[in-house]
N, C-alpha and C. Protein backbone atom coordinates (compact mmCIF):
# COMPACT_ATOMS: atom_id res chain seq x y z
N MET A 1 -20.78 15.17 1.50
CA MET A 1 -22.18 15.17 1.83
C MET A 1 -22.45 16.08 3.03
N ALA A 2 -21.53 16.08 3.99
CA ALA A 2 -21.70 16.92 5.17
C ALA A 2 -21.64 18.40 4.81
N SER A 3 -21.14 18.72 3.62
CA SER A 3 -21.09 20.10 3.15
C SER A 3 -22.35 20.48 2.36
N LYS A 4 -23.33 19.57 2.38
CA LYS A 4 -24.61 19.81 1.70
C LYS A 4 -24.44 19.91 0.18
N LYS A 5 -23.49 19.15 -0.33
CA LYS A 5 -23.25 19.09 -1.78
C LYS A 5 -23.52 17.67 -2.26
N PRO A 6 -24.11 17.52 -3.44
CA PRO A 6 -24.34 16.17 -3.97
C PRO A 6 -23.01 15.49 -4.28
N VAL A 7 -23.01 14.18 -4.17
CA VAL A 7 -21.80 13.40 -4.38
C VAL A 7 -21.98 12.52 -5.61
N VAL A 8 -20.97 12.53 -6.48
CA VAL A 8 -20.94 11.67 -7.66
C VAL A 8 -19.59 10.96 -7.62
N GLY A 9 -19.60 9.68 -7.94
CA GLY A 9 -18.33 8.97 -7.93
C GLY A 9 -18.45 7.62 -8.60
N PHE A 10 -17.35 6.89 -8.59
CA PHE A 10 -17.35 5.54 -9.12
C PHE A 10 -17.85 4.58 -8.05
N SER A 11 -18.50 3.53 -8.47
CA SER A 11 -19.09 2.56 -7.55
C SER A 11 -18.05 1.54 -7.09
N ASN A 12 -17.01 2.03 -6.41
CA ASN A 12 -16.07 1.09 -5.83
C ASN A 12 -16.71 0.48 -4.59
N LEU A 13 -16.09 -0.50 -4.01
CA LEU A 13 -16.70 -1.23 -2.90
C LEU A 13 -17.10 -0.32 -1.74
N GLY A 14 -16.21 0.59 -1.35
CA GLY A 14 -16.49 1.47 -0.22
C GLY A 14 -17.67 2.38 -0.46
N TYR A 15 -17.68 3.08 -1.58
CA TYR A 15 -18.78 3.98 -1.89
C TYR A 15 -20.08 3.22 -2.07
N TYR A 16 -20.01 2.06 -2.73
CA TYR A 16 -21.22 1.29 -2.96
C TYR A 16 -21.83 0.81 -1.64
N GLN A 17 -20.99 0.30 -0.74
CA GLN A 17 -21.51 -0.16 0.54
C GLN A 17 -22.10 0.99 1.36
N LEU A 18 -21.53 2.15 1.25
CA LEU A 18 -22.04 3.31 1.98
C LEU A 18 -23.38 3.78 1.43
N LEU A 19 -23.54 3.75 0.12
CA LEU A 19 -24.72 4.35 -0.51
C LEU A 19 -25.76 3.35 -1.01
N LYS A 20 -25.48 2.06 -0.90
CA LYS A 20 -26.40 1.03 -1.38
C LYS A 20 -27.79 1.21 -0.76
N GLY A 21 -28.81 1.22 -1.61
CA GLY A 21 -30.18 1.34 -1.14
C GLY A 21 -30.61 2.74 -0.75
N THR A 22 -29.80 3.73 -1.07
CA THR A 22 -30.13 5.12 -0.76
C THR A 22 -30.28 5.90 -2.06
N PRO A 23 -30.84 7.12 -1.99
CA PRO A 23 -30.91 7.95 -3.21
C PRO A 23 -29.53 8.24 -3.81
N GLY A 24 -28.50 8.22 -3.00
CA GLY A 24 -27.15 8.50 -3.49
C GLY A 24 -26.61 7.41 -4.41
N GLU A 25 -27.18 6.23 -4.34
CA GLU A 25 -26.69 5.11 -5.16
C GLU A 25 -26.81 5.41 -6.65
N LYS A 26 -27.83 6.17 -7.04
CA LYS A 26 -28.01 6.43 -8.47
C LYS A 26 -26.96 7.38 -9.03
N PHE A 27 -26.11 7.93 -8.18
CA PHE A 27 -25.04 8.81 -8.65
C PHE A 27 -23.68 8.14 -8.61
N LEU A 28 -23.68 6.83 -8.56
CA LEU A 28 -22.44 6.05 -8.65
C LEU A 28 -22.34 5.43 -10.03
N ALA A 29 -21.23 5.65 -10.68
CA ALA A 29 -20.98 5.09 -12.01
C ALA A 29 -20.13 3.83 -11.88
N LYS A 30 -20.26 2.96 -12.87
CA LYS A 30 -19.43 1.75 -12.89
C LYS A 30 -17.95 2.18 -12.86
N PRO A 31 -17.13 1.45 -12.10
CA PRO A 31 -15.71 1.81 -12.04
C PRO A 31 -15.09 1.95 -13.43
N LYS A 32 -14.34 3.01 -13.60
CA LYS A 32 -13.60 3.35 -14.82
C LYS A 32 -14.49 3.75 -15.99
N ASP A 33 -15.80 3.85 -15.80
CA ASP A 33 -16.71 4.24 -16.88
C ASP A 33 -16.88 5.77 -16.85
N ILE A 34 -15.95 6.46 -17.49
CA ILE A 34 -15.96 7.93 -17.44
C ILE A 34 -17.16 8.51 -18.18
N GLU A 35 -17.68 7.80 -19.16
CA GLU A 35 -18.88 8.28 -19.87
C GLU A 35 -20.06 8.33 -18.89
N GLU A 36 -20.26 7.26 -18.15
CA GLU A 36 -21.37 7.21 -17.19
C GLU A 36 -21.18 8.25 -16.09
N LEU A 37 -19.96 8.39 -15.61
CA LEU A 37 -19.67 9.39 -14.58
C LEU A 37 -20.00 10.78 -15.09
N SER A 38 -19.60 11.09 -16.32
CA SER A 38 -19.87 12.43 -16.86
C SER A 38 -21.38 12.67 -17.03
N GLU A 39 -22.14 11.62 -17.37
CA GLU A 39 -23.59 11.77 -17.50
C GLU A 39 -24.22 12.12 -16.15
N LYS A 40 -23.75 11.50 -15.09
CA LYS A 40 -24.28 11.76 -13.76
C LYS A 40 -23.92 13.17 -13.29
N ILE A 41 -22.72 13.60 -13.62
CA ILE A 41 -22.32 14.97 -13.28
C ILE A 41 -23.16 15.97 -14.05
N LEU A 42 -23.34 15.74 -15.35
CA LEU A 42 -24.15 16.64 -16.17
C LEU A 42 -25.60 16.71 -15.69
N LEU A 43 -26.14 15.60 -15.25
CA LEU A 43 -27.50 15.58 -14.73
C LEU A 43 -27.63 16.56 -13.57
N LEU A 44 -26.66 16.55 -12.69
CA LEU A 44 -26.71 17.47 -11.55
C LEU A 44 -26.43 18.91 -11.96
N ILE A 45 -25.54 19.10 -12.92
CA ILE A 45 -25.24 20.46 -13.39
C ILE A 45 -26.49 21.10 -13.98
N LYS A 46 -27.25 20.32 -14.73
CA LYS A 46 -28.43 20.84 -15.43
C LYS A 46 -29.67 20.97 -14.55
N ASN A 47 -29.68 20.34 -13.38
CA ASN A 47 -30.89 20.30 -12.57
C ASN A 47 -30.62 20.84 -11.16
N GLU A 48 -30.88 22.12 -11.00
CA GLU A 48 -30.60 22.77 -9.71
C GLU A 48 -31.43 22.17 -8.58
N LYS A 49 -32.69 21.88 -8.86
CA LYS A 49 -33.56 21.30 -7.83
C LYS A 49 -33.01 19.95 -7.35
N LEU A 50 -32.57 19.12 -8.27
CA LEU A 50 -31.99 17.83 -7.91
C LEU A 50 -30.71 18.01 -7.10
N ARG A 51 -29.89 18.99 -7.48
CA ARG A 51 -28.67 19.28 -6.71
C ARG A 51 -29.02 19.63 -5.27
N GLN A 52 -30.02 20.48 -5.10
CA GLN A 52 -30.43 20.90 -3.76
C GLN A 52 -30.99 19.72 -2.96
N GLU A 53 -31.84 18.92 -3.61
CA GLU A 53 -32.41 17.77 -2.92
C GLU A 53 -31.34 16.79 -2.48
N MET A 54 -30.40 16.51 -3.38
CA MET A 54 -29.32 15.58 -3.03
C MET A 54 -28.40 16.16 -1.97
N GLY A 55 -28.20 17.47 -2.01
CA GLY A 55 -27.40 18.13 -0.97
C GLY A 55 -28.06 18.01 0.39
N GLU A 56 -29.37 18.25 0.45
CA GLU A 56 -30.12 18.13 1.72
C GLU A 56 -30.07 16.69 2.21
N TRP A 57 -30.33 15.74 1.30
CA TRP A 57 -30.30 14.33 1.68
C TRP A 57 -28.92 13.95 2.21
N GLY A 58 -27.88 14.36 1.51
CA GLY A 58 -26.51 14.02 1.90
C GLY A 58 -26.16 14.55 3.28
N LEU A 59 -26.58 15.76 3.57
CA LEU A 59 -26.31 16.34 4.88
C LEU A 59 -26.95 15.49 5.97
N GLU A 60 -28.21 15.14 5.79
CA GLU A 60 -28.90 14.33 6.79
C GLU A 60 -28.26 12.94 6.91
N TYR A 61 -27.93 12.33 5.79
CA TYR A 61 -27.34 10.99 5.79
C TYR A 61 -25.96 10.99 6.45
N SER A 62 -25.21 12.04 6.23
CA SER A 62 -23.85 12.10 6.79
C SER A 62 -23.87 12.17 8.31
N LYS A 63 -24.97 12.60 8.89
CA LYS A 63 -25.06 12.66 10.35
C LYS A 63 -24.99 11.28 10.98
N ASN A 64 -25.30 10.24 10.20
CA ASN A 64 -25.17 8.87 10.70
C ASN A 64 -23.72 8.50 10.95
N TYR A 65 -22.80 9.28 10.40
CA TYR A 65 -21.37 8.98 10.49
C TYR A 65 -20.60 10.07 11.22
N SER A 66 -21.29 10.82 12.07
CA SER A 66 -20.61 11.87 12.83
C SER A 66 -19.59 11.23 13.77
N TRP A 67 -18.58 11.98 14.13
CA TRP A 67 -17.54 11.44 14.99
C TRP A 67 -18.13 10.97 16.33
N ASN A 68 -19.10 11.70 16.88
CA ASN A 68 -19.69 11.28 18.16
C ASN A 68 -20.33 9.91 18.05
N LYS A 69 -21.06 9.65 16.96
CA LYS A 69 -21.70 8.35 16.79
C LYS A 69 -20.67 7.25 16.59
N ILE A 70 -19.70 7.51 15.72
CA ILE A 70 -18.68 6.49 15.44
C ILE A 70 -17.84 6.23 16.68
N ALA A 71 -17.47 7.27 17.40
CA ALA A 71 -16.66 7.10 18.62
C ALA A 71 -17.42 6.27 19.65
N SER A 72 -18.71 6.48 19.79
CA SER A 72 -19.51 5.70 20.74
C SER A 72 -19.51 4.22 20.37
N ILE A 73 -19.64 3.93 19.09
CA ILE A 73 -19.62 2.54 18.63
C ILE A 73 -18.27 1.89 18.93
N ILE A 74 -17.20 2.62 18.67
CA ILE A 74 -15.86 2.10 18.94
C ILE A 74 -15.65 1.85 20.43
N LEU A 75 -16.08 2.81 21.25
CA LEU A 75 -15.92 2.64 22.70
C LEU A 75 -16.73 1.44 23.21
N GLU A 76 -17.95 1.27 22.69
CA GLU A 76 -18.75 0.12 23.08
C GLU A 76 -18.04 -1.18 22.72
N PHE A 77 -17.44 -1.22 21.56
CA PHE A 77 -16.71 -2.41 21.13
C PHE A 77 -15.52 -2.67 22.06
N TYR A 78 -14.73 -1.64 22.31
CA TYR A 78 -13.57 -1.81 23.20
C TYR A 78 -14.02 -2.29 24.58
N ASN A 79 -15.07 -1.69 25.10
CA ASN A 79 -15.56 -2.09 26.42
C ASN A 79 -16.06 -3.53 26.43
N SER A 80 -16.66 -3.97 25.34
CA SER A 80 -17.14 -5.36 25.29
C SER A 80 -15.96 -6.35 25.23
N CYS A 81 -14.83 -5.90 24.73
CA CYS A 81 -13.65 -6.78 24.66
C CYS A 81 -13.01 -6.98 26.03
N LYS A 82 -13.23 -6.05 26.95
CA LYS A 82 -12.65 -6.14 28.29
C LYS A 82 -13.32 -7.23 29.12
N LYS A 83 -14.52 -7.60 28.77
CA LYS A 83 -15.30 -8.54 29.60
C LYS A 83 -14.88 -9.95 29.41
């Protein structure tokens, strides 16, 4: 997503929790359902505008998980444990 490319994948627990309630959720296929996965990939292949929109969205969404943000959260947690 940080590369401004749309993401398609299986809806395993990690991906689902990350994308639940976002536009990216509609590009998750049921685990092991290769037919559904291929449909989602084909949808993006055939629709350039959708690819671009999902790429833009993904780039913005990925900023929520930048190393600076995650590192700050971790440091806050460690500091709270010292008290």
